[in-house]
Amino acid sequence: MIIQDVLEKVLINQRLVIIGHRSSAFDAAVSMFKNKCGALLVCDSNNNNDLVGIITERDITFKVIPKNLNPKTTEISKIMTKNVETISPKKTPIDAIHVMRSRGFRHLPVIEKKKIIGILSMRDLYDYANNELQDSLKKHQEFMFGTGYGS
């Protein structure tokens, strides 16, 4: 299975939450709260909504609060992660997990032909992997103990 399948079969109702790079950290926090998400894709509205960064709840927690910055006046562009690592929908969920674990982040935008088509979280991928493992175990148990035989 590839990431495209995960987006289509598991994350079917995923809404991309995008915020402008000139918005404030406060605006980002409010948007995360309202949308019940831990990361926002930051786009430049002047350049056809090109992805210019990502801001997470951790960015606000670690870069604004301890430095006593004013969240209402601190622009996202000052605290976001720039040069965002992305992944192709043709890669596998295992590839995505490897990228996130090796780079130390929990959200990974999925890009195809320079267009944002989704965002994966480590939680999404572990839930997916857990479900796949449970299905596989069930099939193996049915085979081993004959509960699925003849049905």
C-alpha atoms as a PDB file:
ATOM      1  CA  MET A   1       0.000   0.000   0.000  1.00  0.00           C
ATOM      2  CA  ILE A   2       1.173   3.518  -0.769  1.00  0.00           C
ATOM      3  CA  ILE A   3       0.471   6.848   0.931  1.00  0.00           C
ATOM      4  CA  GLN A   4      -2.112   7.726  -1.740  1.00  0.00           C
ATOM      5  CA  ASP A   5      -4.145   4.694  -0.571  1.00  0.00           C
ATOM      6  CA  VAL A   6      -3.898   5.806   3.051  1.00  0.00           C
ATOM      7  CA  LEU A   7      -5.156   9.282   2.113  1.00  0.00           C
ATOM      8  CA  GLU A   8      -8.045   7.816   0.106  1.00  0.00           C
ATOM      9  CA  LYS A   9      -9.061   4.955   2.424  1.00  0.00           C
ATOM     10  CA  VAL A  10      -8.094   6.036   5.936  1.00  0.00           C
ATOM     11  CA  LEU A  11      -7.947   9.823   5.930  1.00  0.00           C
ATOM     12  CA  ILE A  12     -10.918  10.244   3.626  1.00  0.00           C
ATOM     13  CA  ASN A  13     -12.394  13.311   5.315  1.00  0.00           C
ATOM     14  CA  GLN A  14      -9.099  15.057   5.965  1.00  0.00           C
ATOM     15  CA  ARG A  15      -9.286  18.819   5.585  1.00  0.00           C
ATOM     16  CA  LEU A  16      -6.091  20.677   4.941  1.00  0.00           C
ATOM     17  CA  VAL A  17      -5.786  23.560   7.364  1.00  0.00           C
ATOM     18  CA  ILE A  18      -3.759  26.344   5.784  1.00  0.00           C
ATOM     19  CA  ILE A  19      -2.687  29.652   7.270  1.00  0.00           C
ATOM     20  CA  GLY A  20      -0.927  32.636   5.760  1.00  0.00           C
ATOM     21  CA  HIS A  21       2.709  33.262   6.641  1.00  0.00           C
ATOM     22  CA  ARG A  22       1.932  36.737   7.981  1.00  0.00           C
ATOM     23  CA  SER A  23      -0.630  35.471  10.510  1.00  0.00           C
ATOM     24  CA  SER A  24       0.219  35.589  14.202  1.00  0.00           C
ATOM     25  CA  ALA A  25       1.133  32.730  16.518  1.00  0.00           C
ATOM     26  CA  PHE A  26      -2.123  33.487  18.331  1.00  0.00           C
ATOM     27  CA  ASP A  27      -4.089  33.043  15.085  1.00  0.00           C
ATOM     28  CA  ALA A  28      -2.315  29.737  14.518  1.00  0.00           C
ATOM     29  CA  ALA A  29      -3.148  28.500  18.023  1.00  0.00           C
ATOM     30  CA  VAL A  30      -6.807  29.489  17.601  1.00  0.00           C
ATOM     31  CA  SER A  31      -6.957  27.745  14.211  1.00  0.00           C
ATOM     32  CA  MET A  32      -5.415  24.563  15.659  1.00  0.00           C
ATOM     33  CA  PHE A  33      -7.951  24.659  18.496  1.00  0.00           C
ATOM     34  CA  LYS A  34     -10.930  25.200  16.195  1.00  0.00           C
ATOM     35  CA  ASN A  35      -9.788  22.566  13.701  1.00  0.00           C
ATOM     36  CA  LYS A  36      -8.625  20.074  16.348  1.00  0.00           C
ATOM     37  CA  CYS A  37      -5.227  19.640  14.736  1.00  0.00           C
ATOM     38  CA  GLY A  38      -1.626  19.900  15.857  1.00  0.00           C
ATOM     39  CA  ALA A  39      -0.105  21.426  12.724  1.00  0.00           C
ATOM     40  CA  LEU A  40      -0.949  23.994  10.079  1.00  0.00           C
ATOM     41  CA  LEU A  41       0.446  24.264   6.589  1.00  0.00           C
ATOM     42  CA  VAL A  42       1.830  27.754   6.006  1.00  0.00           C
ATOM     43  CA  CYS A  43       1.359  29.102   2.507  1.00  0.00           C
ATOM     44  CA  ASP A  44       2.337  32.246   0.676  1.00  0.00           C
ATOM     45  CA  SER A  45      -0.849  33.690  -0.789  1.00  0.00           C
ATOM     46  CA  ASN A  46       1.201  35.801  -3.219  1.00  0.00           C
ATOM     47  CA  ASN A  47       2.663  32.698  -4.900  1.00  0.00           C
ATOM     48  CA  ASN A  48      -0.307  30.459  -5.696  1.00  0.00           C
ATOM     49  CA  ASN A  49      -0.462  29.098  -2.151  1.00  0.00           C
ATOM     50  CA  ASP A  50       3.037  27.625  -2.304  1.00  0.00           C
ATOM     51  CA  LEU A  51       4.009  25.764   0.847  1.00  0.00           C
ATOM     52  CA  VAL A  52       6.529  27.939   2.671  1.00  0.00           C
ATOM     53  CA  GLY A  53       6.461  26.304   6.090  1.00  0.00           C
ATOM     54  CA  ILE A  54       4.688  24.348   8.752  1.00  0.00           C
ATOM     55  CA  ILE A  55       3.763  25.459  12.248  1.00  0.00           C
ATOM     56  CA  THR A  56       2.951  23.057  15.028  1.00  0.00           C
ATOM     57  CA  GLU A  57       1.689  23.276  18.564  1.00  0.00           C
ATOM     58  CA  ARG A  58       5.257  22.526  19.640  1.00  0.00           C
ATOM     59  CA  ASP A  59       6.542  25.599  17.777  1.00  0.00           C
ATOM     60  CA  ILE A  60       4.179  27.779  19.775  1.00  0.00           C
ATOM     61  CA  THR A  61       4.954  25.993  23.017  1.00  0.00           C
ATOM     62  CA  PHE A  62       8.750  25.991  22.599  1.00  0.00           C
ATOM     63  CA  LYS A  63       9.431  29.138  20.575  1.00  0.00           C
ATOM     64  CA  VAL A  64       6.873  31.680  21.811  1.00  0.00           C
ATOM     65  CA  ILE A  65       5.954  31.005  25.419  1.00  0.00           C
ATOM     66  CA  PRO A  66       9.427  30.381  26.957  1.00  0.00           C
ATOM     67  CA  LYS A  67      10.846  33.407  25.149  1.00  0.00           C
ATOM     68  CA  ASN A  68       7.998  35.567  26.453  1.00  0.00           C
ATOM     69  CA  LEU A  69       7.045  36.630  22.924  1.00  0.00           C
ATOM     70  CA  ASN A  70       3.645  38.182  22.400  1.00  0.00           C
ATOM     71  CA  PRO A  71       1.612  35.562  20.467  1.00  0.00           C
ATOM     72  CA  LYS A  72      -0.636  38.264  19.002  1.00  0.00           C
ATOM     73  CA  THR A  73       2.252  40.135  17.397  1.00  0.00           C
ATOM     74  CA  THR A  74       4.676  37.302  16.657  1.00  0.00           C
ATOM     75  CA  GLU A  75       4.360  36.372  12.981  1.00  0.00           C
ATOM     76  CA  ILE A  76       4.287  32.721  12.061  1.00  0.00           C
ATOM     77  CA  SER A  77       7.127  33.301   9.599  1.00  0.00           C
ATOM     78  CA  LYS A  78       9.417  33.974  12.589  1.00  0.00           C
ATOM     79  CA  ILE A  79       8.719  30.663  14.338  1.00  0.00           C
ATOM     80  CA  MET A  80       7.614  28.197  11.649  1.00  0.00           C
ATOM     81  CA  THR A  81       9.737  25.429  10.204  1.00  0.00           C
ATOM     82  CA  LYS A  82      10.930  26.535   6.777  1.00  0.00           C
ATOM     83  CA  ASN A  83      12.163  24.270   3.966  1.00  0.00           C
ATOM     84  CA  VAL A  84       9.586  21.694   4.931  1.00  0.00           C
ATOM     85  CA  GLU A  85      10.361  18.046   4.319  1.00  0.00           C
ATOM     86  CA  THR A  86       7.589  16.526   2.208  1.00  0.00           C
ATOM     87  CA  ILE A  87       6.779  13.118   0.785  1.00  0.00           C
ATOM     88  CA  SER A  88       5.293  11.810  -2.441  1.00  0.00           C
ATOM     89  CA  PRO A  89       1.965   9.972  -2.384  1.00  0.00           C
ATOM     90  CA  LYS A  90       3.738   7.161  -4.253  1.00  0.00           C
ATOM     91  CA  LYS A  91       5.910   6.350  -1.223  1.00  0.00           C
ATOM     92  CA  THR A  92       4.831   3.899   1.471  1.00  0.00           C
ATOM     93  CA  PRO A  93       3.608   4.624   5.001  1.00  0.00           C
ATOM     94  CA  ILE A  94       6.799   2.953   6.244  1.00  0.00           C
ATOM     95  CA  ASP A  95       8.830   5.473   4.212  1.00  0.00           C
ATOM     96  CA  ALA A  96       6.879   8.296   5.887  1.00  0.00           C
ATOM     97  CA  ILE A  97       7.460   6.857   9.366  1.00  0.00           C
ATOM     98  CA  HIS A  98      11.168   6.518   8.607  1.00  0.00           C
ATOM     99  CA  VAL A  99      11.414  10.167   7.458  1.00  0.00           C
ATOM    100  CA  MET A 100       9.570  11.453  10.521  1.00  0.00           C
ATOM    101  CA  ARG A 101      11.496   9.345  13.024  1.00  0.00           C
ATOM    102  CA  SER A 102      14.903  10.089  11.492  1.00  0.00           C
ATOM    103  CA  ARG A 103      14.210  13.857  11.306  1.00  0.00           C
ATOM    104  CA  GLY A 104      12.408  14.098  14.648  1.00  0.00           C
ATOM    105  CA  PHE A 105       9.045  15.508  13.638  1.00  0.00           C
ATOM    106  CA  ARG A 106       5.446  14.305  13.802  1.00  0.00           C
ATOM    107  CA  HIS A 107       3.789  15.864  10.733  1.00  0.00           C
ATOM    108  CA  LEU A 108       4.652  15.374   7.072  1.00  0.00           C
ATOM    109  CA  PRO A 109       2.950  17.116   4.135  1.00  0.00           C
ATOM    110  CA  VAL A 110       2.175  14.996   1.079  1.00  0.00           C
ATOM    111  CA  ILE A 111       2.987  16.817  -2.163  1.00  0.00           C
ATOM    112  CA  GLU A 112       2.304  15.828  -5.756  1.00  0.00           C
ATOM    113  CA  LYS A 113       3.363  18.039  -8.659  1.00  0.00           C
ATOM    114  CA  LYS A 114       3.981  20.935  -6.240  1.00  0.00           C
ATOM    115  CA  LYS A 115       0.415  20.657  -4.921  1.00  0.00           C
ATOM    116  CA  ILE A 116      -0.422  19.831  -1.304  1.00  0.00           C
ATOM    117  CA  ILE A 117      -2.709  16.799  -1.297  1.00  0.00           C
ATOM    118  CA  GLY A 118      -2.559  15.834   2.377  1.00  0.00           C
ATOM    119  CA  ILE A 119      -0.664  15.796   5.614  1.00  0.00           C
ATOM    120  CA  LEU A 120       0.306  12.739   7.614  1.00  0.00           C
ATOM    121  CA  SER A 121       0.786  12.660  11.338  1.00  0.00           C
ATOM    122  CA  MET A 122       2.764  10.047  13.210  1.00  0.00           C
ATOM    123  CA  ARG A 123      -0.463   9.186  15.050  1.00  0.00           C
ATOM    124  CA  ASP A 124      -2.283   8.568  11.729  1.00  0.00           C
ATOM    125  CA  LEU A 125       0.496   6.289  10.526  1.00  0.00           C
ATOM    126  CA  TYR A 126       0.725   4.298  13.751  1.00  0.00           C
ATOM    127  CA  ASP A 127      -3.078   3.869  13.793  1.00  0.00           C
ATOM    128  CA  TYR A 128      -2.934   2.672  10.195  1.00  0.00           C
ATOM    129  CA  ALA A 129      -0.055   0.266  10.921  1.00  0.00           C
ATOM    130  CA  ASN A 130      -1.837  -1.053  14.022  1.00  0.00           C
ATOM    131  CA  ASN A 131      -5.033  -1.727  12.052  1.00  0.00           C
ATOM    132  CA  GLU A 132      -3.079  -3.498   9.320  1.00  0.00           C
ATOM    133  CA  LEU A 133      -1.303  -5.626  11.932  1.00  0.00           C
ATOM    134  CA  GLN A 134      -4.590  -6.512  13.659  1.00  0.00           C
ATOM    135  CA  ASP A 135      -6.127  -7.557  10.316  1.00  0.00           C
ATOM    136  CA  SER A 136      -3.085  -9.669   9.498  1.00  0.00           C
ATOM    137  CA  LEU A 137      -3.118 -11.346  12.923  1.00  0.00           C
ATOM    138  CA  LYS A 138      -6.819 -12.128  12.580  1.00  0.00           C
ATOM    139  CA  LYS A 139      -6.271 -13.755   9.175  1.00  0.00           C
ATOM    140  CA  HIS A 140      -3.352 -15.802  10.506  1.00  0.00           C
ATOM    141  CA  GLN A 141      -5.377 -16.946  13.512  1.00  0.00           C
ATOM    142  CA  GLU A 142      -8.279 -17.962  11.274  1.00  0.00           C
ATOM    143  CA  PHE A 143      -5.858 -19.974   9.148  1.00  0.00           C
ATOM    144  CA  MET A 144      -4.017 -21.553  12.106  1.00  0.00           C
ATOM    145  CA  PHE A 145      -7.108 -22.473  14.125  1.00  0.00           C
ATOM    146  CA  GLY A 146      -9.469 -23.160  11.251  1.00  0.00           C
ATOM    147  CA  THR A 147     -12.115 -20.646  12.284  1.00  0.00           C
ATOM    148  CA  GLY A 148     -12.257 -19.204   8.778  1.00  0.00           C
ATOM    149  CA  TYR A 149     -12.169 -22.567   6.998  1.00  0.00           C
ATOM    150  CA  GLY A 150     -15.037 -23.237   4.632  1.00  0.00           C
ATOM    151  CA  SER A 151     -16.739 -19.887   5.115  1.00  0.00           C
END
